[in-house]
Protein backbone atom coordinates (compact mmCIF):
# COMPACT_ATOMS: atom_id res chain seq x y z
CA GLY A 1 18.69 8.27 -11.78
CA ALA A 2 15.88 7.58 -14.18
CA ALA A 3 14.61 4.32 -15.65
CA SER A 4 12.08 3.80 -18.40
CA ALA A 5 10.57 0.65 -19.90
CA THR A 6 8.34 1.49 -22.85
CA GLY A 7 7.81 -1.96 -24.42
CA ASP A 8 5.30 -4.66 -23.52
CA SER A 9 5.99 -6.52 -20.27
CA GLY A 10 8.87 -4.18 -19.44
CA ALA A 11 10.34 -3.30 -16.07
CA ALA A 12 11.96 -0.10 -14.82
CA SER A 13 13.78 0.54 -11.57
CA ALA A 14 15.34 3.69 -10.10
CA THR A 15 17.08 2.91 -6.82
CA GLY A 16 18.95 6.16 -6.15
CA ASP A 17 17.75 9.25 -4.32
CA ARG A 18 15.10 11.28 -6.15
CA GLY A 19 14.93 8.70 -8.91
CA ALA A 20 12.11 8.25 -11.38
CA ALA A 21 10.86 5.03 -12.94
CA SER A 22 8.27 4.74 -15.68
CA ALA A 23 6.75 1.67 -17.33
CA THR A 24 4.53 2.70 -20.22
CA GLY A 25 4.06 -0.66 -21.95
CA THR A 26 1.43 -3.31 -21.28
CA ARG A 27 1.97 -5.20 -18.00
CA GLY A 28 5.02 -3.12 -17.16
CA ALA A 29 6.42 -2.62 -13.67
CA ALA A 30 8.09 0.49 -12.30
CA SER A 31 9.87 0.78 -8.96
CA ALA A 32 11.44 3.80 -7.27
CA THR A 33 13.20 2.83 -4.05
CA GLY A 34 15.19 5.97 -3.29
CA TYR A 35 14.31 9.04 -1.25
CA SER A 36 11.57 11.13 -2.92
CA GLY A 37 11.38 8.76 -5.90
CA ALA A 38 8.49 8.56 -8.33
CA ALA A 39 7.16 5.46 -10.08
CA SER A 40 4.51 5.48 -12.78
CA ALA A 41 2.77 2.60 -14.57
CA THR A 42 0.80 3.95 -17.52
CA GLY A 43 0.25 0.73 -19.49
CA ASP A 44 -2.52 -1.80 -18.95
CA SER A 45 -2.07 -4.09 -15.92
CA GLY A 46 1.04 -2.19 -14.85
CA ALA A 47 2.40 -1.90 -11.33
CA ALA A 48 4.16 1.08 -9.77
CA SER A 49 5.89 0.94 -6.41
CA ALA A 50 7.52 3.74 -4.42
CA THR A 51 9.30 2.34 -1.38
CA GLY A 52 11.47 5.28 -0.38
CA TYR A 53 10.69 8.16 1.96
CA ARG A 54 8.20 10.60 0.37
CA GLY A 55 7.91 8.45 -2.72
CA ALA A 56 5.02 8.70 -5.17
CA ALA A 57 3.46 5.87 -7.18
CA SER A 58 0.86 6.28 -9.88
CA ALA A 59 -1.23 3.77 -11.84
CA THR A 60 -2.80 5.48 -14.84
CA GLY A 61 -3.44 2.52 -17.16
CA ASP A 62 -6.24 -0.03 -17.00
CA SER A 63 -6.16 -2.54 -14.11
CA GLY A 64 -2.95 -1.10 -12.69
CA ALA A 65 -1.72 -0.97 -9.12
CA ALA A 66 0.24 1.73 -7.31
CA SER A 67 1.80 1.23 -3.90
CA ALA A 68 3.58 3.67 -1.61
CA THR A 69 5.23 1.75 1.19
CA GLY A 70 7.75 4.33 2.36
CA ASP A 71 7.08 6.94 5.03
CA SER A 72 5.00 9.93 3.90
CA GLY A 73 4.42 8.27 0.51
CA ALA A 74 1.57 8.88 -1.91
CA ALA A 75 -0.20 6.40 -4.20
CA SER A 76 -2.75 7.31 -6.85
CA ALA A 77 -5.02 5.20 -9.04
CA THR A 78 -6.32 7.31 -11.89
CA GLY A 79 -6.72 4.71 -14.64
CA THR A 80 -9.65 2.33 -15.00
CA GLY A 81 -10.04 -0.51 -12.50
CA CYS A 82 -6.89 0.47 -10.58
CA VAL A 83 -5.88 0.20 -6.93
CA ALA A 84 -3.81 2.64 -4.86
CA LEU A 85 -2.15 1.27 -1.70
CA ALA A 86 -0.66 3.59 0.90
CA CYS A 87 0.88 1.59 3.72
CA GLY A 88 3.87 3.65 4.87
CA TYR A 89 3.87 5.83 7.98
CA GLU A 90 1.77 8.97 7.31
CA SER A 91 1.10 7.93 3.71
CA LYS A 92 -1.91 8.79 1.56
CA ALA A 93 -3.94 7.41 -1.35
CA LEU A 94 -6.10 8.91 -4.08
CA GLY A 95 -8.37 7.40 -6.71
CA THR A 96 -10.77 8.36 -9.43
CA LEU A 97 -14.34 7.04 -9.66
CA GLY A 98 -14.55 3.27 -9.72
CA ASN A 99 -11.00 2.71 -8.52
CA ALA A 100 -10.02 1.40 -5.09
CA ILE A 101 -7.89 2.88 -2.33
CA VAL A 102 -6.26 1.00 0.52
CA CYS A 103 -4.75 2.82 3.50
CA CYS A 104 -2.81 1.58 6.51
CA GLU A 105 -2.58 3.34 9.84
CA ARG A 106 0.66 3.05 11.76
CA GLY A 107 1.53 3.86 15.33
CA PRO A 108 4.55 5.74 16.66
CA TRP A 109 8.09 4.39 16.25
CA ASN A 110 8.73 1.58 18.74
CA GLY A 111 12.47 1.22 18.20
CA LYS A 112 12.07 -1.24 15.34
CA THR A 113 9.16 -0.06 13.19
CA TYR A 114 6.00 1.99 12.99
CA PRO A 115 3.58 -0.78 14.06
CA LEU A 116 0.53 -1.47 11.93
CA LEU A 117 -2.66 -0.43 13.74
CA ALA A 118 -5.37 -0.69 11.09
CA ILE A 119 -5.97 -1.23 7.38
CA LYS A 120 -9.02 -0.26 5.34
CA ALA A 121 -10.06 -0.49 1.70
CA ALA A 122 -12.81 1.25 -0.25
CA ILE A 123 -14.00 1.83 -3.76
CA VAL A 124 -14.09 5.48 -4.83
CA ASP A 125 -17.83 6.06 -5.23
CA GLY A 126 -17.89 9.87 -5.30
CA GLU A 127 -20.05 10.05 -2.18
CA ILE A 128 -18.47 8.30 0.80
CA ILE A 129 -15.02 8.30 -0.80
CA LYS A 130 -14.60 11.31 -3.09
CA ALA A 131 -12.79 11.13 -6.40
CA ASP A 132 -9.48 12.96 -6.80
CA THR A 133 -9.18 13.43 -3.04
CA TRP A 134 -6.25 12.30 -0.88
CA TYR A 135 -7.09 10.01 2.05
CA THR A 136 -5.22 8.57 4.99
CA LEU A 137 -6.36 6.44 7.91
CA LYS A 138 -6.87 7.91 11.42
CA ASN A 139 -8.42 5.88 14.22
CA GLY A 140 -9.27 3.20 11.66
CA GLU A 141 -11.32 5.56 9.47
CA PHE A 142 -10.63 7.38 6.20
CA VAL A 143 -9.93 11.09 6.57
CA GLU A 144 -9.18 13.63 3.86
CA VAL A 145 -5.71 15.15 3.70
CA GLU A 146 -4.12 17.81 1.53
């Protein structure tokens, strides 16, 4: 399924497999909870969340937030003053200059969950953390991924 909220303070949700959700208005929220879903918040102060397996979340507006909490998810912050959070198992985050990335490292499946091992945040400065580059956390440190 697909959901779109284009007005101010709108909300969009796609809960089925391979769904897409887009919130293009100011302070909109988009959520894709199905397998391989995509959520995008392009308005100012928007939030995009991809909670399904291999989901993708993108914050392209000002002061937006993108979170990928499902396994193998991807979160990107390409707007101004945005944050990308990748906290699912084997997830990754990307940001442009001046934005922030947050990555979580998880251990192997223990029968209940992939336990949280470490979390780290950084501002994309173009030197230590490169712009437009995917990162994940290994041994508590940022590493580049494709």
